[in-house]
Amino acid sequence: MSEESDFSDKRKQAKGAVLTEEEKKAHHIASEQKRRENIRSEFDRIVDLTPTLTDLENRSELNILTKSADYIDKLKEENQRLIASCRARGILVPEELVYRGPGSEI
C-alpha cells in the first residue's frame, strides 16, 4: 500500500466516513441496547402511573399494557360520570374537561 492511500484511509476513518464491519456491528448493538433501555424506562413509567399494577406482579409487557388500558377506560368512565353529575346539577363543564378521544380537537 502506498503512503498516499494509507493517509487517505486514515483520513476517512478520522472523519468517521468509513466504518469497519466490526464498528458497524458494535454501533448497531449499542443502538439496540439504547432502544431497549428506553422502552424499559417507559414501561417503568407506565407502571408508576397505573395504580392497579404493583411491583410484585408479573411485569410482562402484555400485563402492563392490559392493566394500563383498563385503568384508562376506568378514568374515562369516571370523567363521564362526573360530567353527567355536574350537568344534572346545572354546573357548566368547560369543554376542555370533556374527554373526546385521542387526536380530537378541543
PDB file of N, CA and C in Angstrom:
ATOM      1  N   MET A   1       0.853  -1.176   0.000  1.00  0.00           N
ATOM      2  CA  MET A   1       0.000   0.000   0.000  1.00  0.00           C
ATOM      3  C   MET A   1       0.892   1.229   0.000  1.00  0.00           C
ATOM      4  N   SER A   2       0.543   2.216  -0.819  1.00  0.00           N
ATOM      5  CA  SER A   2       1.346   3.425  -0.896  1.00  0.00           C
ATOM      6  C   SER A   2       1.067   4.316   0.295  1.00  0.00           C
ATOM      7  N   GLU A   3       1.988   5.256   0.552  1.00  0.00           N
ATOM      8  CA  GLU A   3       1.804   6.191   1.663  1.00  0.00           C
ATOM      9  C   GLU A   3       0.584   7.064   1.443  1.00  0.00           C
ATOM     10  N   GLU A   4       0.328   7.416   0.159  1.00  0.00           N
ATOM     11  CA  GLU A   4      -0.812   8.282  -0.152  1.00  0.00           C
ATOM     12  C   GLU A   4      -2.136   7.587   0.161  1.00  0.00           C
ATOM     13  N   SER A   5      -2.276   6.318  -0.222  1.00  0.00           N
ATOM     14  CA  SER A   5      -3.531   5.616   0.055  1.00  0.00           C
ATOM     15  C   SER A   5      -3.672   5.322   1.545  1.00  0.00           C
ATOM     16  N   ASP A   6      -2.554   5.067   2.233  1.00  0.00           N
ATOM     17  CA  ASP A   6      -2.589   4.852   3.675  1.00  0.00           C
ATOM     18  C   ASP A   6      -3.068   6.115   4.375  1.00  0.00           C
ATOM     19  N   PHE A   7      -2.575   7.265   3.940  1.00  0.00           N
ATOM     20  CA  PHE A   7      -3.000   8.548   4.508  1.00  0.00           C
ATOM     21  C   PHE A   7      -4.481   8.784   4.228  1.00  0.00           C
ATOM     22  N   SER A   8      -4.924   8.462   3.022  1.00  0.00           N
ATOM     23  CA  SER A   8      -6.327   8.635   2.638  1.00  0.00           C
ATOM     24  C   SER A   8      -7.236   7.765   3.510  1.00  0.00           C
ATOM     25  N   ASP A   9      -6.847   6.513   3.763  1.00  0.00           N
ATOM     26  CA  ASP A   9      -7.636   5.621   4.608  1.00  0.00           C
ATOM     27  C   ASP A   9      -7.750   6.156   6.029  1.00  0.00           C
ATOM     28  N   LYS A  10      -6.648   6.660   6.565  1.00  0.00           N
ATOM     29  CA  LYS A  10      -6.658   7.200   7.922  1.00  0.00           C
ATOM     30  C   LYS A  10      -7.532   8.442   7.999  1.00  0.00           C
ATOM     31  N   ARG A  11      -7.483   9.273   6.947  1.00  0.00           N
ATOM     32  CA  ARG A  11      -8.292  10.496   6.933  1.00  0.00           C
ATOM     33  C   ARG A  11      -9.774  10.140   6.909  1.00  0.00           C
ATOM     34  N   LYS A  12     -10.176   9.139   6.109  1.00  0.00           N
ATOM     35  CA  LYS A  12     -11.577   8.722   6.046  1.00  0.00           C
ATOM     36  C   LYS A  12     -12.041   8.199   7.397  1.00  0.00           C
ATOM     37  N   GLN A  13     -11.215   7.380   8.059  1.00  0.00           N
ATOM     38  CA  GLN A  13     -11.592   6.843   9.357  1.00  0.00           C
ATOM     39  C   GLN A  13     -11.666   7.948  10.397  1.00  0.00           C
ATOM     40  N   ALA A  14     -10.780   8.931  10.315  1.00  0.00           N
ATOM     41  CA  ALA A  14     -10.798  10.031  11.270  1.00  0.00           C
ATOM     42  C   ALA A  14     -12.076  10.840  11.126  1.00  0.00           C
ATOM     43  N   LYS A  15     -12.586  10.990   9.919  1.00  0.00           N
ATOM     44  CA  LYS A  15     -13.829  11.717   9.695  1.00  0.00           C
ATOM     45  C   LYS A  15     -15.045  10.871  10.055  1.00  0.00           C
ATOM     46  N   GLY A  16     -14.857   9.596  10.233  1.00  0.00           N
ATOM     47  CA  GLY A  16     -15.979   8.723  10.561  1.00  0.00           C
ATOM     48  C   GLY A  16     -16.762   8.301   9.327  1.00  0.00           C
ATOM     49  N   ALA A  17     -16.229   8.577   8.160  1.00  0.00           N
ATOM     50  CA  ALA A  17     -16.943   8.265   6.928  1.00  0.00           C
ATOM     51  C   ALA A  17     -16.938   6.778   6.634  1.00  0.00           C
ATOM     52  N   VAL A  18     -15.904   6.073   7.069  1.00  0.00           N
ATOM     53  CA  VAL A  18     -15.798   4.658   6.766  1.00  0.00           C
ATOM     54  C   VAL A  18     -15.692   3.888   8.078  1.00  0.00           C
ATOM     55  N   LEU A  19     -16.622   2.984   8.288  1.00  0.00           N
ATOM     56  CA  LEU A  19     -16.591   2.146   9.482  1.00  0.00           C
ATOM     57  C   LEU A  19     -16.315   0.712   9.068  1.00  0.00           C
ATOM     58  N   THR A  20     -15.548   0.031   9.887  1.00  0.00           N
ATOM     59  CA  THR A  20     -15.319  -1.381   9.618  1.00  0.00           C
ATOM     60  C   THR A  20     -16.607  -2.138   9.950  1.00  0.00           C
ATOM     61  N   GLU A  21     -16.675  -3.364   9.507  1.00  0.00           N
ATOM     62  CA  GLU A  21     -17.845  -4.189   9.809  1.00  0.00           C
ATOM     63  C   GLU A  21     -17.996  -4.371  11.315  1.00  0.00           C
ATOM     64  N   GLU A  22     -16.870  -4.520  12.020  1.00  0.00           N
ATOM     65  CA  GLU A  22     -16.921  -4.665  13.477  1.00  0.00           C
ATOM     66  C   GLU A  22     -17.469  -3.397  14.129  1.00  0.00           C
ATOM     67  N   GLU A  23     -17.055  -2.228  13.641  1.00  0.00           N
ATOM     68  CA  GLU A  23     -17.544  -0.963  14.188  1.00  0.00           C
ATOM     69  C   GLU A  23     -19.034  -0.782  13.903  1.00  0.00           C
ATOM     70  N   LYS A  24     -19.455  -1.168  12.701  1.00  0.00           N
ATOM     71  CA  LYS A  24     -20.879  -1.087  12.358  1.00  0.00           C
ATOM     72  C   LYS A  24     -21.701  -1.993  13.275  1.00  0.00           C
ATOM     73  N   LYS A  25     -21.201  -3.210  13.507  1.00  0.00           N
ATOM     74  CA  LYS A  25     -21.901  -4.157  14.367  1.00  0.00           C
ATOM     75  C   LYS A  25     -21.975  -3.625  15.797  1.00  0.00           C
ATOM     76  N   ALA A  26     -20.867  -3.098  16.296  1.00  0.00           N
ATOM     77  CA  ALA A  26     -20.843  -2.549  17.656  1.00  0.00           C
ATOM     78  C   ALA A  26     -21.808  -1.375  17.777  1.00  0.00           C
ATOM     79  N   HIS A  27     -21.853  -0.528  16.759  1.00  0.00           N
ATOM     80  CA  HIS A  27     -22.767   0.617  16.768  1.00  0.00           C
ATOM     81  C   HIS A  27     -24.224   0.141  16.769  1.00  0.00           C
ATOM     82  N   HIS A  28     -24.502  -0.864  15.953  1.00  0.00           N
ATOM     83  CA  HIS A  28     -25.859  -1.417  15.890  1.00  0.00           C
ATOM     84  C   HIS A  28     -26.263  -2.009  17.243  1.00  0.00           C
ATOM     85  N   ILE A  29     -25.359  -2.756  17.859  1.00  0.00           N
ATOM     86  CA  ILE A  29     -25.650  -3.364  19.161  1.00  0.00           C
ATOM     87  C   ILE A  29     -25.899  -2.285  20.211  1.00  0.00           C
ATOM     88  N   ALA A  30     -25.065  -1.246  20.215  1.00  0.00           N
ATOM     89  CA  ALA A  30     -25.239  -0.152  21.177  1.00  0.00           C
ATOM     90  C   ALA A  30     -26.563   0.567  20.945  1.00  0.00           C
ATOM     91  N   SER A  31     -26.919   0.796  19.693  1.00  0.00           N
ATOM     92  CA  SER A  31     -28.190   1.462  19.373  1.00  0.00           C
ATOM     93  C   SER A  31     -29.372   0.617  19.824  1.00  0.00           C
ATOM     94  N   GLU A  32     -29.288  -0.680  19.603  1.00  0.00           N
ATOM     95  CA  GLU A  32     -30.372  -1.582  20.005  1.00  0.00           C
ATOM     96  C   GLU A  32     -30.498  -1.633  21.529  1.00  0.00           C
ATOM     97  N   GLN A  33     -29.378  -1.651  22.232  1.00  0.00           N
ATOM     98  CA  GLN A  33     -29.420  -1.648  23.694  1.00  0.00           C
ATOM     99  C   GLN A  33     -30.048  -0.358  24.212  1.00  0.00           C
ATOM    100  N   LYS A  34     -29.718   0.772  23.590  1.00  0.00           N
ATOM    101  CA  LYS A  34     -30.283   2.063  23.984  1.00  0.00           C
ATOM    102  C   LYS A  34     -31.796   2.064  23.737  1.00  0.00           C
ATOM    103  N   ARG A  35     -32.219   1.525  22.606  1.00  0.00           N
ATOM    104  CA  ARG A  35     -33.646   1.448  22.287  1.00  0.00           C
ATOM    105  C   ARG A  35     -34.385   0.612  23.329  1.00  0.00           C
ATOM    106  N   ARG A  36     -33.832  -0.551  23.675  1.00  0.00           N
ATOM    107  CA  ARG A  36     -34.454  -1.408  24.683  1.00  0.00           C
ATOM    108  C   ARG A  36     -34.494  -0.737  26.049  1.00  0.00           C
ATOM    109  N   GLU A  37     -33.430  -0.025  26.389  1.00  0.00           N
ATOM    110  CA  GLU A  37     -33.377   0.694  27.666  1.00  0.00           C
ATOM    111  C   GLU A  37     -34.473   1.763  27.719  1.00  0.00           C
ATOM    112  N   ASN A  38     -34.672   2.473  26.617  1.00  0.00           N
ATOM    113  CA  ASN A  38     -35.732   3.492  26.556  1.00  0.00           C
ATOM    114  C   ASN A  38     -37.115   2.865  26.696  1.00  0.00           C
ATOM    115  N   ILE A  39     -37.329   1.736  26.055  1.00  0.00           N
ATOM    116  CA  ILE A  39     -38.618   1.041  26.157  1.00  0.00           C
ATOM    117  C   ILE A  39     -38.853   0.598  27.601  1.00  0.00           C
ATOM    118  N   ARG A  40     -37.841  -0.011  28.228  1.00  0.00           N
ATOM    119  CA  ARG A  40     -37.976  -0.437  29.630  1.00  0.00           C
ATOM    120  C   ARG A  40     -38.281   0.750  30.533  1.00  0.00           C
ATOM    121  N   SER A  41     -37.616   1.864  30.285  1.00  0.00           N
ATOM    122  CA  SER A  41     -37.836   3.067  31.086  1.00  0.00           C
ATOM    123  C   SER A  41     -39.281   3.551  30.964  1.00  0.00           C
ATOM    124  N   GLU A  42     -39.824   3.544  29.765  1.00  0.00           N
ATOM    125  CA  GLU A  42     -41.210   3.985  29.563  1.00  0.00           C
ATOM    126  C   GLU A  42     -42.207   3.000  30.163  1.00  0.00           C
ATOM    127  N   PHE A  43     -41.915   1.704  30.108  1.00  0.00           N
ATOM    128  CA  PHE A  43     -42.788   0.728  30.757  1.00  0.00           C
ATOM    129  C   PHE A  43     -42.754   0.937  32.273  1.00  0.00           C
ATOM    130  N   ASP A  44     -41.584   1.242  32.827  1.00  0.00           N
ATOM    131  CA  ASP A  44     -41.490   1.540  34.266  1.00  0.00           C
ATOM    132  C   ASP A  44     -42.350   2.756  34.598  1.00  0.00           C
ATOM    133  N   ARG A  45     -42.329   3.749  33.729  1.00  0.00           N
ATOM    134  CA  ARG A  45     -43.137   4.949  33.943  1.00  0.00           C
ATOM    135  C   ARG A  45     -44.627   4.616  33.928  1.00  0.00           C
ATOM    136  N   ILE A  46     -45.043   3.772  32.996  1.00  0.00           N
ATOM    137  CA  ILE A  46     -46.447   3.350  32.928  1.00  0.00           C
ATOM    138  C   ILE A  46     -46.826   2.614  34.206  1.00  0.00           C
ATOM    139  N   VAL A  47     -45.948   1.736  34.695  1.00  0.00           N
ATOM    140  CA  VAL A  47     -46.223   1.002  35.933  1.00  0.00           C
ATOM    141  C   VAL A  47     -46.407   1.988  37.087  1.00  0.00           C
ATOM    142  N   ASP A  48     -45.554   3.014  37.155  1.00  0.00           N
ATOM    143  CA  ASP A  48     -45.669   4.011  38.220  1.00  0.00           C
ATOM    144  C   ASP A  48     -46.977   4.793  38.144  1.00  0.00           C
ATOM    145  N   LEU A  49     -47.505   4.994  36.949  1.00  0.00           N
ATOM    146  CA  LEU A  49     -48.718   5.784  36.763  1.00  0.00           C
ATOM    147  C   LEU A  49     -50.007   4.975  36.879  1.00  0.00           C
ATOM    148  N   THR A  50     -49.878   3.661  36.888  1.00  0.00           N
ATOM    149  CA  THR A  50     -51.057   2.794  36.894  1.00  0.00           C
ATOM    150  C   THR A  50     -51.204   2.148  38.270  1.00  0.00           C
ATOM    151  N   PRO A  51     -52.187   2.621  39.063  1.00  0.00           N
ATOM    152  CA  PRO A  51     -52.312   2.122  40.432  1.00  0.00           C
ATOM    153  C   PRO A  51     -52.697   0.651  40.534  1.00  0.00           C
ATOM    154  N   THR A  52     -53.221   0.067  39.478  1.00  0.00           N
ATOM    155  CA  THR A  52     -53.605  -1.343  39.542  1.00  0.00           C
ATOM    156  C   THR A  52     -52.414  -2.273  39.303  1.00  0.00           C
ATOM    157  N   LEU A  53     -51.255  -1.708  39.030  1.00  0.00           N
ATOM    158  CA  LEU A  53     -50.041  -2.510  38.848  1.00  0.00           C
ATOM    159  C   LEU A  53     -49.172  -2.381  40.086  1.00  0.00           C
ATOM    160  N   THR A  54     -48.614  -3.494  40.511  1.00  0.00           N
ATOM    161  CA  THR A  54     -47.705  -3.464  41.651  1.00  0.00           C
ATOM    162  C   THR A  54     -46.358  -4.036  41.241  1.00  0.00           C
ATOM    163  N   ASP A  55     -45.351  -3.743  42.022  1.00  0.00           N
ATOM    164  CA  ASP A  55     -44.010  -4.256  41.726  1.00  0.00           C
ATOM    165  C   ASP A  55     -43.932  -5.773  41.870  1.00  0.00           C
ATOM    166  N   LEU A  56     -44.867  -6.354  42.620  1.00  0.00           N
ATOM    167  CA  LEU A  56     -44.831  -7.797  42.857  1.00  0.00           C
ATOM    168  C   LEU A  56     -45.483  -8.591  41.731  1.00  0.00           C
ATOM    169  N   GLU A  57     -46.251  -7.916  40.885  1.00  0.00           N
ATOM    170  CA  GLU A  57     -46.968  -8.615  39.820  1.00  0.00           C
ATOM    171  C   GLU A  57     -46.066  -8.974  38.653  1.00  0.00           C
ATOM    172  N   ASN A  58     -46.613  -9.829  37.824  1.00  0.00           N
ATOM    173  CA  ASN A  58     -45.963 -10.163  36.565  1.00  0.00           C
ATOM    174  C   ASN A  58     -45.785  -8.868  35.764  1.00  0.00           C
ATOM    175  N   ARG A  59     -44.575  -8.556  35.377  1.00  0.00           N
ATOM    176  CA  ARG A  59     -44.316  -7.306  34.668  1.00  0.00           C
ATOM    177  C   ARG A  59     -44.149  -7.547  33.169  1.00  0.00           C
ATOM    178  N   SER A  60     -44.894  -8.483  32.624  1.00  0.00           N
ATOM    179  CA  SER A  60     -44.825  -8.698  31.181  1.00  0.00           C
ATOM    180  C   SER A  60     -45.421  -7.480  30.490  1.00  0.00           C
ATOM    181  N   GLU A  61     -44.963  -7.233  29.288  1.00  0.00           N
ATOM    182  CA  GLU A  61     -45.487  -6.095  28.528  1.00  0.00           C
ATOM    183  C   GLU A  61     -46.990  -6.218  28.336  1.00  0.00           C
ATOM    184  N   LEU A  62     -47.469  -7.425  28.075  1.00  0.00           N
ATOM    185  CA  LEU A  62     -48.905  -7.632  27.876  1.00  0.00           C
ATOM    186  C   LEU A  62     -49.683  -7.272  29.138  1.00  0.00           C
ATOM    187  N   ASN A  63     -49.214  -7.703  30.300  1.00  0.00           N
ATOM    188  CA  ASN A  63     -49.891  -7.397  31.557  1.00  0.00           C
ATOM    189  C   ASN A  63     -49.895  -5.889  31.807  1.00  0.00           C
ATOM    190  N   ILE A  64     -48.771  -5.243  31.576  1.00  0.00           N
ATOM    191  CA  ILE A  64     -48.675  -3.795  31.790  1.00  0.00           C
ATOM    192  C   ILE A  64     -49.625  -3.047  30.858  1.00  0.00           C
ATOM    193  N   LEU A  65     -49.622  -3.406  29.590  1.00  0.00           N
ATOM    194  CA  LEU A  65     -50.494  -2.725  28.625  1.00  0.00           C
ATOM    195  C   LEU A  65     -51.969  -2.990  28.914  1.00  0.00           C
ATOM    196  N   THR A  66     -52.304  -4.218  29.272  1.00  0.00           N
ATOM    197  CA  THR A  66     -53.698  -4.565  29.556  1.00  0.00           C
ATOM    198  C   THR A  66     -54.218  -3.801  30.769  1.00  0.00           C
ATOM    199  N   LYS A  67     -53.469  -3.826  31.851  1.00  0.00           N
ATOM    200  CA  LYS A  67     -53.921  -3.140  33.065  1.00  0.00           C
ATOM    201  C   LYS A  67     -53.934  -1.626  32.877  1.00  0.00           C
ATOM    202  N   SER A  68     -53.001  -1.109  32.103  1.00  0.00           N
ATOM    203  CA  SER A  68     -52.987   0.332  31.841  1.00  0.00           C
ATOM    204  C   SER A  68     -54.193   0.738  31.003  1.00  0.00           C
ATOM    205  N   ALA A  69     -54.518  -0.049  29.989  1.00  0.00           N
ATOM    206  CA  ALA A  69     -55.692   0.243  29.163  1.00  0.00           C
ATOM    207  C   ALA A  69     -56.969   0.156  30.001  1.00  0.00           C
ATOM    208  N   ASP A  70     -57.039  -0.831  30.882  1.00  0.00           N
ATOM    209  CA  ASP A  70     -58.198  -0.951  31.774  1.00  0.00           C
ATOM    210  C   ASP A  70     -58.320   0.280  32.673  1.00  0.00           C
ATOM    211  N   TYR A  71     -57.205   0.757  33.188  1.00  0.00           N
ATOM    212  CA  TYR A  71     -57.206   1.935  34.056  1.00  0.00           C
ATOM    213  C   TYR A  71     -57.640   3.180  33.284  1.00  0.00           C
ATOM    214  N   ILE A  72     -57.175   3.314  32.056  1.00  0.00           N
ATOM    215  CA  ILE A  72     -57.584   4.458  31.224  1.00  0.00           C
ATOM    216  C   ILE A  72     -59.083   4.401  30.966  1.00  0.00           C
ATOM    217  N   ASP A  73     -59.610   3.207  30.669  1.00  0.00           N
ATOM    218  CA  ASP A  73     -61.059   3.059  30.484  1.00  0.00           C
ATOM    219  C   ASP A  73     -61.815   3.483  31.740  1.00  0.00           C
ATOM    220  N   LYS A  74     -61.282   3.085  32.909  1.00  0.00           N
ATOM    221  CA  LYS A  74     -61.913   3.448  34.180  1.00  0.00           C
ATOM    222  C   LYS A  74     -61.908   4.969  34.361  1.00  0.00           C
ATOM    223  N   LEU A  75     -60.806   5.611  34.013  1.00  0.00           N
ATOM    224  CA  LEU A  75     -60.721   7.072  34.123  1.00  0.00           C
ATOM    225  C   LEU A  75     -61.705   7.761  33.179  1.00  0.00           C
ATOM    226  N   LYS A  76     -61.852   7.232  31.972  1.00  0.00           N
ATOM    227  CA  LYS A  76     -62.818   7.797  31.020  1.00  0.00           C
ATOM    228  C   LYS A  76     -64.238   7.683  31.562  1.00  0.00           C
ATOM    229  N   GLU A  77     -64.571   6.513  32.127  1.00  0.00           N
ATOM    230  CA  GLU A  77     -65.907   6.321  32.701  1.00  0.00           C
ATOM    231  C   GLU A  77     -66.139   7.276  33.866  1.00  0.00           C
ATOM    232  N   GLU A  78     -65.128   7.452  34.712  1.00  0.00           N
ATOM    233  CA  GLU A  78     -65.241   8.369  35.848  1.00  0.00           C
ATOM    234  C   GLU A  78     -65.425   9.806  35.349  1.00  0.00           C
ATOM    235  N   ASN A  79     -64.713  10.178  34.319  1.00  0.00           N
ATOM    236  CA  ASN A  79     -64.851  11.504  33.721  1.00  0.00           C
ATOM    237  C   ASN A  79     -66.289  11.714  33.233  1.00  0.00           C
ATOM    238  N   GLN A  80     -66.828  10.725  32.531  1.00  0.00           N
ATOM    239  CA  GLN A  80     -68.199  10.830  32.031  1.00  0.00           C
ATOM    240  C   GLN A  80     -69.209  10.916  33.175  1.00  0.00           C
ATOM    241  N   ARG A  81     -68.988  10.134  34.234  1.00  0.00           N
ATOM    242  CA  ARG A  81     -69.876  10.145  35.388  1.00  0.00           C
ATOM    243  C   ARG A  81     -69.858  11.511  36.077  1.00  0.00           C
ATOM    244  N   LEU A  82     -68.665  12.055  36.273  1.00  0.00           N
ATOM    245  CA  LEU A  82     -68.552  13.361  36.930  1.00  0.00           C
ATOM    246  C   LEU A  82     -69.185  14.477  36.091  1.00  0.00           C
ATOM    247  N   ILE A  83     -68.998  14.419  34.783  1.00  0.00           N
ATOM    248  CA  ILE A  83     -69.589  15.425  33.901  1.00  0.00           C
ATOM    249  C   ILE A  83     -71.110  15.334  33.944  1.00  0.00           C
ATOM    250  N   ALA A  84     -71.630  14.106  33.894  1.00  0.00           N
ATOM    251  CA  ALA A  84     -73.085  13.925  33.959  1.00  0.00           C
ATOM    252  C   ALA A  84     -73.623  14.436  35.291  1.00  0.00           C
ATOM    253  N   SER A  85     -72.913  14.164  36.369  1.00  0.00           N
ATOM    254  CA  SER A  85     -73.331  14.627  37.690  1.00  0.00           C
ATOM    255  C   SER A  85     -73.342  16.152  37.764  1.00  0.00           C
ATOM    256  N   CYS A  86     -72.309  16.768  37.230  1.00  0.00           N
ATOM    257  CA  CYS A  86     -72.249  18.241  37.217  1.00  0.00           C
ATOM    258  C   CYS A  86     -73.399  18.824  36.395  1.00  0.00           C
ATOM    259  N   ARG A  87     -73.596  18.273  35.214  1.00  0.00           N
ATOM    260  CA  ARG A  87     -74.654  18.795  34.337  1.00  0.00           C
ATOM    261  C   ARG A  87     -76.038  18.600  34.963  1.00  0.00           C
ATOM    262  N   ALA A  88     -76.228  17.486  35.670  1.00  0.00           N
ATOM    263  CA  ALA A  88     -77.517  17.239  36.330  1.00  0.00           C
ATOM    264  C   ALA A  88     -77.784  18.283  37.408  1.00  0.00           C
ATOM    265  N   ARG A  89     -76.728  18.841  37.960  1.00  0.00           N
ATOM    266  CA  ARG A  89     -76.862  19.874  38.994  1.00  0.00           C
ATOM    267  C   ARG A  89     -76.795  21.282  38.418  1.00  0.00           C
ATOM    268  N   GLY A  90     -76.755  21.359  37.086  1.00  0.00           N
ATOM    269  CA  GLY A  90     -76.723  22.665  36.433  1.00  0.00           C
ATOM    270  C   GLY A  90     -75.359  23.337  36.431  1.00  0.00           C
ATOM    271  N   ILE A  91     -74.323  22.564  36.677  1.00  0.00           N
ATOM    272  CA  ILE A  91     -72.965  23.110  36.683  1.00  0.00           C
ATOM    273  C   ILE A  91     -72.407  23.044  35.268  1.00  0.00           C
ATOM    274  N   LEU A  92     -71.939  24.178  34.781  1.00  0.00           N
ATOM    275  CA  LEU A  92     -71.357  24.245  33.448  1.00  0.00           C
ATOM    276  C   LEU A  92     -69.978  23.579  33.469  1.00  0.00           C
ATOM    277  N   VAL A  93     -69.767  22.637  32.566  1.00  0.00           N
ATOM    278  CA  VAL A  93     -68.481  21.935  32.478  1.00  0.00           C
ATOM    279  C   VAL A  93     -67.736  22.459  31.255  1.00  0.00           C
ATOM    280  N   PRO A  94     -66.544  23.037  31.452  1.00  0.00           N
ATOM    281  CA  PRO A  94     -65.766  23.521  30.309  1.00  0.00           C
ATOM    282  C   PRO A  94     -65.464  22.386  29.330  1.00  0.00           C
ATOM    283  N   GLU A  95     -65.534  22.688  28.061  1.00  0.00           N
ATOM    284  CA  GLU A  95     -65.339  21.653  27.032  1.00  0.00           C
ATOM    285  C   GLU A  95     -63.977  20.977  27.115  1.00  0.00           C
ATOM    286  N   GLU A  96     -62.960  21.690  27.575  1.00  0.00           N
ATOM    287  CA  GLU A  96     -61.628  21.066  27.654  1.00  0.00           C
ATOM    288  C   GLU A  96     -61.553  19.970  28.720  1.00  0.00           C
ATOM    289  N   LEU A  97     -62.566  19.889  29.573  1.00  0.00           N
ATOM    290  CA  LEU A  97     -62.606  18.827  30.579  1.00  0.00           C
ATOM    291  C   LEU A  97     -63.369  17.592  30.103  1.00  0.00           C
ATOM    292  N   VAL A  98     -64.000  17.686  28.945  1.00  0.00           N
ATOM    293  CA  VAL A  98     -64.763  16.565  28.396  1.00  0.00           C
ATOM    294  C   VAL A  98     -63.847  15.751  27.484  1.00  0.00           C
ATOM    295  N   TYR A  99     -63.676  14.488  27.814  1.00  0.00           N
ATOM    296  CA  TYR A  99     -62.824  13.605  27.007  1.00  0.00           C
ATOM    297  C   TYR A  99     -63.509  13.293  25.684  1.00  0.00           C
ATOM    298  N   ARG A 100     -62.804  13.539  24.598  1.00  0.00           N
ATOM    299  CA  ARG A 100     -63.357  13.296  23.258  1.00  0.00           C
ATOM    300  C   ARG A 100     -62.622  12.198  22.504  1.00  0.00           C
ATOM    301  N   GLY A 101     -61.610  11.649  23.085  1.00  0.00           N
ATOM    302  CA  GLY A 101     -60.848  10.589  22.418  1.00  0.00           C
ATOM    303  C   GLY A 101     -59.516  11.099  21.896  1.00  0.00           C
ATOM    304  N   PRO A 102     -58.662  10.179  21.506  1.00  0.00           N
ATOM    305  CA  PRO A 102     -57.337  10.567  21.027  1.00  0.00           C
ATOM    306  C   PRO A 102     -57.409  11.370  19.738  1.00  0.00           C
ATOM    307  N   GLY A 103     -56.588  12.390  19.680  1.00  0.00           N
ATOM    308  CA  GLY A 103     -56.490  13.189  18.460  1.00  0.00           C
ATOM    309  C   GLY A 103     -57.626  14.158  18.227  1.00  0.00           C
ATOM    310  N   SER A 104     -58.560  14.240  19.140  1.00  0.00           N
ATOM    311  CA  SER A 104     -59.685  15.156  18.911  1.00  0.00           C
ATOM    312  C   SER A 104     -59.266  16.569  19.239  1.00  0.00           C
ATOM    313  N   GLU A 105     -59.772  17.491  18.465  1.00  0.00           N
ATOM    314  CA  GLU A 105     -59.502  18.908  18.691  1.00  0.00           C
ATOM    315  C   GLU A 105     -60.497  19.433  19.686  1.00  0.00           C
ATOM    316  N   ILE A 106     -60.017  20.180  20.640  1.00  0.00           N
ATOM    317  CA  ILE A 106     -60.913  20.758  21.660  1.00  0.00           C
ATOM    318  C   ILE A 106     -61.074  22.235  21.383  1.00  0.00           C
TER     319      ILE A 106
END
